[in-house]
Amino acid sequence: MRRSGQAVGAAMLAVGALAAAPAAAVPIHHETFGRSVQHRSLRLTRIGDPAARHVVLVVGCIHGSERAGMAVTRALRHATPPPHTQLLVVDTANPDGSRRSRRGNAHGVDLNRNFPWGWRPLHGVYFSGRRASSEPETRALERLVLRERPDVSIWFHQHLNWVDLQRGSSLRLMRRYARVAGMRAVKTPVLPGTAARWENHRLPRASAFVVELPAGRLSHASVAVHVRAVLAVARP
């Protein structure tokens, strides 16, 4: 992704602002919302006022081989949410796969094909499980979403370098993210059993969408740009 010198300079200033922000200024709370197949904790970080009515969920990694988004979720801990907004941050929804840098979980299931809306049996690298919601990670994410009912959800993936114009999600929000992050906004084919598609079905007034990050690790400047994009779409 090519950016002008002015944009990169702004990103570096954003990095400095994040580093300078006092951690104690924003309430932060950690909790466990489930367990993986191998009993690793699924961890949630609440950032901001826990009573805020506007809730934004950000998941850094659901495919264990696509971990660049975790740098963004970790950086969000040092950001200040917009007024009246609470950020819910999950570094990885697939800790077993992340540990081994594998797409699927410990059962080899692609968690982003295991959600019940539009689920169908798939095999190979996109193995969708023996049935919908068969995996403990999927069920924990479903419980989290239905309990918290986020107004906006961002699911990070790799390596296509675009914002996926998810059906059922706000075009305005998705295009805003793409504009702030300097990415393309692309309409892609509908995939079975994905988290964002299920979430948009269960919470039709909310917006869940996918951000496909570029391949490899993000630079500090790129992390700062994506933090700004998250905060831009997090405004009530």
Protein backbone atom coordinates (compact mmCIF):
# COMPACT_ATOMS: atom_id res chain seq x y z
CA MET A 1 0.00 0.00 0.00
CA ARG A 2 1.62 3.29 -1.14
CA ARG A 3 1.05 6.37 0.95
CA SER A 4 2.17 9.96 0.49
CA GLY A 5 4.92 11.40 2.68
CA GLN A 6 2.33 13.63 4.33
CA ALA A 7 0.15 10.65 5.28
CA VAL A 8 3.10 8.68 6.67
CA GLY A 9 4.19 11.73 8.65
CA ALA A 10 0.71 11.98 10.14
CA ALA A 11 0.83 8.30 11.01
CA MET A 12 4.13 8.73 12.83
CA LEU A 13 2.65 11.62 14.82
CA ALA A 14 -0.23 9.31 15.71
CA VAL A 15 2.24 6.71 16.98
CA GLY A 16 3.83 9.35 19.19
CA ALA A 17 0.44 10.40 20.49
CA LEU A 18 -0.42 6.81 21.36
CA ALA A 19 2.86 6.31 23.18
CA ALA A 20 2.35 9.53 25.14
CA ALA A 21 -1.23 8.80 26.20
CA PRO A 22 -1.43 7.99 29.93
CA ALA A 23 -2.59 4.42 30.39
CA ALA A 24 -4.49 5.30 33.58
CA ALA A 25 -6.62 7.92 31.80
CA VAL A 26 -8.94 5.31 30.24
CA PRO A 27 -10.55 2.46 32.24
CA ILE A 28 -9.27 -0.94 31.09
CA HIS A 29 -10.64 -4.28 32.27
CA HIS A 30 -9.55 -7.80 31.26
CA GLU A 31 -11.76 -10.88 31.36
CA THR A 32 -12.00 -14.41 29.98
CA PHE A 33 -15.03 -15.17 27.81
CA GLY A 34 -14.28 -18.77 26.88
CA ARG A 35 -11.72 -21.51 26.29
CA SER A 36 -10.16 -22.99 23.19
CA VAL A 37 -10.05 -26.67 22.25
CA GLN A 38 -6.75 -26.93 24.16
CA HIS A 39 -8.20 -24.96 27.10
CA ARG A 40 -6.36 -21.70 26.41
CA SER A 41 -8.18 -18.59 27.57
CA LEU A 42 -10.14 -16.46 25.12
CA ARG A 43 -9.38 -13.01 26.47
CA LEU A 44 -11.40 -9.82 26.16
CA THR A 45 -10.18 -6.32 27.02
CA ARG A 46 -12.74 -3.59 27.75
CA ILE A 47 -11.44 -0.11 27.00
CA GLY A 48 -13.45 2.90 28.14
CA ASP A 49 -16.56 3.38 30.22
CA PRO A 50 -18.13 -0.06 30.82
CA ALA A 51 -21.54 1.63 31.03
CA ALA A 52 -21.21 3.25 27.59
CA ARG A 53 -24.16 2.40 25.37
CA HIS A 54 -22.16 2.41 22.12
CA VAL A 55 -20.07 -0.76 21.84
CA VAL A 56 -17.40 -1.57 19.24
CA LEU A 57 -15.84 -5.03 18.97
CA VAL A 58 -12.42 -5.51 17.34
CA VAL A 59 -11.02 -9.01 16.75
CA GLY A 60 -7.35 -9.06 15.79
CA CYS A 61 -7.08 -12.69 14.67
CA ILE A 62 -9.44 -15.57 13.96
CA HIS A 63 -7.19 -17.43 11.50
CA GLY A 64 -4.05 -18.40 13.41
CA SER A 65 -1.80 -17.77 10.40
CA GLU A 66 -3.15 -14.19 9.97
CA ARG A 67 -1.88 -12.37 13.04
CA ALA A 68 -1.06 -8.84 11.87
CA GLY A 69 -4.30 -7.47 13.33
CA MET A 70 -3.12 -8.34 16.83
CA ALA A 71 -0.70 -5.40 16.63
CA VAL A 72 -3.70 -3.11 16.09
CA THR A 73 -5.72 -4.56 18.96
CA ARG A 74 -2.75 -4.25 21.31
CA ALA A 75 -2.21 -0.62 20.27
CA LEU A 76 -5.89 0.12 20.94
CA ARG A 77 -5.21 -0.39 24.66
CA HIS A 78 -3.32 2.92 24.56
CA ALA A 79 -6.03 4.78 22.63
CA THR A 80 -8.90 6.86 23.94
CA PRO A 81 -12.31 5.70 22.67
CA PRO A 82 -14.72 8.31 21.32
CA PRO A 83 -17.13 9.76 23.90
CA HIS A 84 -19.88 7.41 25.10
CA THR A 85 -18.10 4.45 23.44
CA GLN A 86 -16.63 1.26 24.83
CA LEU A 87 -14.12 -0.79 22.84
CA LEU A 88 -14.15 -4.57 23.23
CA VAL A 89 -10.82 -5.94 22.03
CA VAL A 90 -9.95 -9.59 21.37
CA ASP A 91 -6.35 -10.13 20.32
CA THR A 92 -6.96 -13.67 19.08
CA ALA A 93 -10.13 -15.74 18.90
CA ASN A 94 -7.99 -18.74 17.94
CA PRO A 95 -5.14 -19.03 20.47
CA ASP A 96 -4.35 -22.65 19.56
CA GLY A 97 -3.97 -21.81 15.87
CA SER A 98 -2.10 -18.59 16.66
CA ARG A 99 0.41 -20.49 18.78
CA ARG A 100 1.27 -22.75 15.83
CA SER A 101 0.66 -20.20 13.07
CA ARG A 102 -2.07 -22.41 11.58
CA ARG A 103 -5.26 -21.21 9.96
CA GLY A 104 -7.59 -23.55 11.82
CA ASN A 105 -8.00 -24.34 15.49
CA ALA A 106 -6.63 -27.46 17.22
CA HIS A 107 -9.29 -29.55 15.44
CA GLY A 108 -8.20 -28.13 12.09
CA VAL A 109 -11.50 -26.23 11.75
CA ASP A 110 -11.57 -22.88 9.97
CA LEU A 111 -13.47 -20.90 12.60
CA ASN A 112 -14.55 -18.35 10.01
CA ARG A 113 -16.52 -21.07 8.22
CA ASN A 114 -18.02 -22.57 11.40
CA PHE A 115 -20.69 -19.99 12.24
CA PRO A 116 -24.30 -21.16 11.76
CA TRP A 117 -25.66 -18.59 9.28
CA GLY A 118 -25.07 -19.98 5.78
CA TRP A 119 -22.96 -22.85 7.14
CA ARG A 120 -22.32 -25.81 4.84
CA PRO A 121 -19.82 -28.69 5.00
CA LEU A 122 -16.44 -27.76 3.56
CA HIS A 123 -13.25 -29.80 3.57
CA GLY A 124 -9.57 -29.17 3.06
CA VAL A 125 -8.01 -25.87 4.16
CA TYR A 126 -11.47 -24.35 4.72
CA PHE A 127 -12.76 -27.30 6.79
CA SER A 128 -15.95 -25.95 8.34
CA GLY A 129 -16.33 -28.57 11.08
CA ARG A 130 -18.67 -31.51 11.43
CA ARG A 131 -21.59 -29.18 12.10
CA ALA A 132 -22.27 -25.48 12.57
CA SER A 133 -20.93 -24.03 15.84
CA SER A 134 -19.11 -27.28 16.57
CA GLU A 135 -16.07 -25.50 18.05
CA PRO A 136 -15.77 -24.02 21.55
CA GLU A 137 -14.16 -20.87 20.15
CA THR A 138 -17.12 -20.29 17.81
CA ARG A 139 -19.66 -20.81 20.58
CA ALA A 140 -17.76 -18.47 22.91
CA LEU A 141 -17.70 -15.75 20.23
CA GLU A 142 -21.42 -16.20 19.62
CA ARG A 143 -22.15 -15.82 23.33
CA LEU A 144 -19.94 -12.74 23.52
CA VAL A 145 -21.63 -11.05 20.55
CA LEU A 146 -25.16 -11.85 21.72
CA ARG A 147 -24.39 -10.67 25.25
CA GLU A 148 -22.62 -7.43 24.33
CA ARG A 149 -24.55 -6.69 21.11
CA PRO A 150 -21.83 -4.51 19.55
CA ASP A 151 -22.95 -1.70 17.27
CA VAL A 152 -19.84 -2.12 15.11
CA SER A 153 -17.56 -5.16 14.77
CA ILE A 154 -14.27 -5.28 12.88
CA TRP A 155 -12.71 -8.66 12.09
CA PHE A 156 -9.09 -8.49 10.91
CA HIS A 157 -7.80 -10.94 8.30
CA GLN A 158 -4.93 -11.12 5.80
CA HIS A 159 -3.47 -10.93 3.10
CA LEU A 160 -5.62 -9.17 0.51
CA ASN A 161 -5.16 -5.53 1.57
CA TRP A 162 -8.71 -4.26 1.29
CA VAL A 163 -11.90 -3.58 3.24
CA ASP A 164 -14.56 -6.16 2.39
CA LEU A 165 -17.91 -4.46 1.65
CA GLN A 166 -19.89 -6.89 3.75
CA ARG A 167 -23.55 -7.33 2.87
CA GLY A 168 -25.81 -6.17 5.68
CA SER A 169 -23.20 -3.76 7.04
CA SER A 170 -23.10 0.03 6.73
CA LEU A 171 -21.46 1.11 3.46
CA ARG A 172 -20.76 4.49 5.03
CA LEU A 173 -18.76 2.96 7.89
CA MET A 174 -16.86 0.51 5.70
CA ARG A 175 -15.93 3.21 3.18
CA ARG A 176 -14.89 5.51 6.03
CA TYR A 177 -12.53 2.85 7.36
CA ALA A 178 -11.09 2.33 3.87
CA ARG A 179 -10.63 6.07 3.35
CA VAL A 180 -8.86 6.65 6.68
CA ALA A 181 -6.66 3.56 6.25
CA GLY A 182 -5.86 4.31 2.60
CA MET A 183 -7.27 0.96 1.42
CA ARG A 184 -9.53 -0.21 -1.38
CA ALA A 185 -13.13 -1.10 -0.57
CA VAL A 186 -14.10 -4.28 -2.44
CA LYS A 187 -17.31 -6.30 -2.75
CA THR A 188 -16.38 -9.98 -2.56
CA PRO A 189 -18.38 -13.21 -3.03
CA VAL A 190 -20.55 -14.35 -0.13
CA LEU A 191 -18.78 -17.03 1.91
CA PRO A 192 -20.51 -19.67 4.06
CA GLY A 193 -20.42 -19.69 7.84
CA THR A 194 -18.44 -16.50 8.43
CA ALA A 195 -18.46 -14.53 11.68
CA ALA A 196 -19.41 -11.18 10.14
CA ARG A 197 -22.20 -12.66 8.02
CA TRP A 198 -23.67 -14.46 11.06
CA GLU A 199 -23.35 -11.33 13.19
CA ASN A 200 -25.12 -9.12 10.62
CA HIS A 201 -27.92 -11.69 10.50
CA ARG A 202 -28.35 -11.85 14.29
CA LEU A 203 -27.90 -8.09 14.87
CA PRO A 204 -29.44 -6.52 11.77
CA ARG A 205 -29.16 -2.94 13.10
CA ALA A 206 -25.42 -3.31 13.70
CA SER A 207 -22.48 -3.47 11.27
CA ALA A 208 -19.89 -6.23 11.23
CA PHE A 209 -17.25 -6.28 8.51
CA VAL A 210 -13.83 -7.64 7.54
CA VAL A 211 -10.60 -5.69 7.09
CA GLU A 212 -8.08 -7.67 5.04
CA LEU A 213 -4.64 -6.42 6.05
CA PRO A 214 -1.63 -6.76 3.72
CA ALA A 215 0.75 -9.69 4.05
CA GLY A 216 3.43 -9.67 6.71
CA ARG A 217 3.83 -7.63 9.87
CA LEU A 218 2.51 -4.09 10.04
CA SER A 219 4.94 -1.23 10.52
CA HIS A 220 4.47 1.09 13.48
CA ALA A 221 3.10 3.73 11.11
CA SER A 222 0.58 1.27 9.62
CA VAL A 223 -0.56 0.18 13.08
CA ALA A 224 -1.21 3.83 13.97
CA VAL A 225 -3.18 4.34 10.75
CA HIS A 226 -5.43 1.36 11.52
CA VAL A 227 -5.96 2.55 15.08
CA ARG A 228 -7.13 5.87 13.64
CA ALA A 229 -9.44 4.02 11.23
CA VAL A 230 -10.96 1.96 14.05
CA LEU A 231 -11.58 5.09 16.10
CA ALA A 232 -13.05 6.84 13.05
CA VAL A 233 -15.75 4.17 12.63
CA ALA A 234 -16.23 3.80 16.40
CA ARG A 235 -17.85 7.20 16.79
CA PRO A 236 -21.54 6.90 17.74
